[in-house]
Amino acid sequence: MSGNSSVSARLAKASEPEAQTAQATASVGGFAQLVDWYNYLLVHTSVWTTAGIVAGDKDESTNRIHFGIQTRAGRDELKKKLLAADVPCDLILLDSKVRSGFSGMPGAAAI
């Protein structure tokens, strides 16, 4: 993907201690495409097995997928998995806290 170098740079910067979210740079189409990407990540990647992941959700208002991840090591591991999955830039937001709109992941306990 041509945008992977800018994605890598932003994700590397997001590893700095003061960074609370990791975000890349371009958008996906409509909500249906967002649902497709969410389902793809669910079925075809290991993002859901990342240590420290506590939630995942599709956000219609921002057209992004949000992941709640509790640990720095887990966040770093998840970023690597997302880069390997070659998802579109700006599709994923990683948060250290669970947002009020998050739904629990399949098999995860509600927080």
Protein backbone atom coordinates (compact mmCIF):
# COMPACT_ATOMS: atom_id res chain seq x y z
CA MET A 1 0.00 0.00 0.00
CA SER A 2 1.46 3.37 -0.95
CA GLY A 3 0.32 5.02 2.28
CA ASN A 4 2.03 2.46 4.51
CA SER A 5 5.11 4.63 5.07
CA SER A 6 2.99 7.49 6.40
CA VAL A 7 0.95 5.00 8.43
CA SER A 8 4.16 3.52 9.87
CA ALA A 9 5.46 6.96 10.76
CA ARG A 10 2.23 7.93 12.53
CA LEU A 11 2.01 4.62 14.36
CA ALA A 12 5.63 4.94 15.46
CA LYS A 13 4.90 8.43 16.77
CA ALA A 14 1.84 7.05 18.56
CA SER A 15 4.17 4.77 20.53
CA GLU A 16 5.55 7.79 22.36
CA PRO A 17 4.43 7.92 26.02
CA GLU A 18 2.23 11.00 25.67
CA ALA A 19 0.28 9.54 22.75
CA GLN A 20 -3.18 8.27 23.75
CA THR A 21 -4.43 7.25 20.31
CA ALA A 22 -2.93 5.86 17.15
CA GLN A 23 -4.37 7.09 13.91
CA ALA A 24 -3.37 6.83 10.26
CA THR A 25 -4.27 9.20 7.36
CA ALA A 26 -7.06 8.54 4.76
CA SER A 27 -10.68 7.42 5.03
CA VAL A 28 -12.87 4.52 3.94
CA GLY A 29 -16.11 4.97 2.04
CA GLY A 30 -19.50 4.51 3.68
CA PHE A 31 -20.69 2.57 6.69
CA ALA A 32 -21.15 -0.64 4.65
CA GLN A 33 -17.44 -0.58 3.82
CA LEU A 34 -16.65 0.02 7.49
CA VAL A 35 -18.73 -3.04 8.44
CA ASP A 36 -16.90 -5.09 5.79
CA TRP A 37 -13.51 -4.09 7.23
CA TYR A 38 -14.65 -4.80 10.79
CA ASN A 39 -15.86 -8.25 9.77
CA TYR A 40 -12.67 -8.88 7.79
CA LEU A 41 -10.56 -8.07 10.86
CA LEU A 42 -12.77 -10.33 12.97
CA VAL A 43 -12.55 -13.34 10.67
CA HIS A 44 -9.19 -13.05 8.88
CA THR A 45 -6.77 -11.55 11.42
CA SER A 46 -5.60 -12.15 14.96
CA VAL A 47 -6.32 -8.61 16.20
CA TRP A 48 -8.96 -9.94 18.61
CA THR A 49 -6.42 -12.18 20.35
CA THR A 50 -4.11 -9.26 21.19
CA ALA A 51 -3.23 -9.12 24.88
CA GLY A 52 -5.00 -6.21 26.57
CA ILE A 53 -7.71 -5.68 23.95
CA VAL A 54 -10.98 -5.01 25.76
CA ALA A 55 -13.38 -3.70 23.12
CA GLY A 56 -14.01 -3.04 19.47
CA ASP A 57 -16.73 -1.11 17.71
CA LYS A 58 -17.73 0.53 14.44
CA ASP A 59 -18.35 4.27 14.86
CA GLU A 60 -20.86 5.58 12.31
CA SER A 61 -20.31 9.21 13.30
CA THR A 62 -16.58 9.14 12.49
CA ASN A 63 -16.62 6.22 10.02
CA ARG A 64 -13.83 4.56 11.99
CA ILE A 65 -13.23 1.31 13.87
CA HIS A 66 -12.30 1.88 17.50
CA PHE A 67 -10.36 -0.58 19.63
CA GLY A 68 -9.98 -0.29 23.39
CA ILE A 69 -6.58 -1.60 24.43
CA GLN A 70 -5.37 -1.51 28.02
CA THR A 71 -1.62 -2.05 27.79
CA ARG A 72 1.22 -0.35 25.94
CA ALA A 73 2.61 -3.73 24.85
CA GLY A 74 -0.81 -4.75 23.56
CA ARG A 75 -1.21 -1.45 21.70
CA ASP A 76 2.18 -1.93 20.04
CA GLU A 77 1.30 -5.52 19.08
CA LEU A 78 -2.10 -4.46 17.73
CA LYS A 79 -0.52 -1.71 15.60
CA LYS A 80 1.80 -4.28 14.01
CA LYS A 81 -1.13 -6.59 13.25
CA LEU A 82 -3.15 -3.76 11.71
CA LEU A 83 -0.23 -2.69 9.52
CA ALA A 84 0.22 -6.30 8.37
CA ALA A 85 -3.50 -6.46 7.50
CA ASP A 86 -2.98 -3.46 5.18
CA VAL A 87 -6.19 -1.73 6.26
CA PRO A 88 -6.93 1.68 4.71
CA CYS A 89 -5.26 4.64 6.32
CA ASP A 90 -7.31 6.42 9.01
CA LEU A 91 -9.63 3.45 9.50
CA ILE A 92 -8.59 2.52 13.04
CA LEU A 93 -8.45 4.45 16.32
CA LEU A 94 -6.79 2.84 19.32
CA ASP A 95 -7.79 4.11 22.73
CA SER A 96 -6.33 3.34 26.12
CA LYS A 97 -9.80 3.77 27.63
CA VAL A 98 -13.06 2.18 26.59
CA ARG A 99 -15.45 4.74 25.14
CA SER A 100 -19.04 4.78 26.29
CA GLY A 101 -20.24 3.67 22.83
CA PHE A 102 -18.05 0.56 22.70
CA SER A 103 -19.64 -2.83 22.50
CA GLY A 104 -17.80 -5.79 23.89
CA MET A 105 -15.87 -8.11 21.65
CA PRO A 106 -17.14 -11.59 20.96
CA GLY A 107 -16.27 -13.69 24.01
CA ALA A 108 -15.08 -10.73 26.08
CA ALA A 109 -16.48 -9.70 29.41
CA ALA A 110 -18.20 -6.33 29.58
CA ILE A 111 -16.28 -3.66 31.46
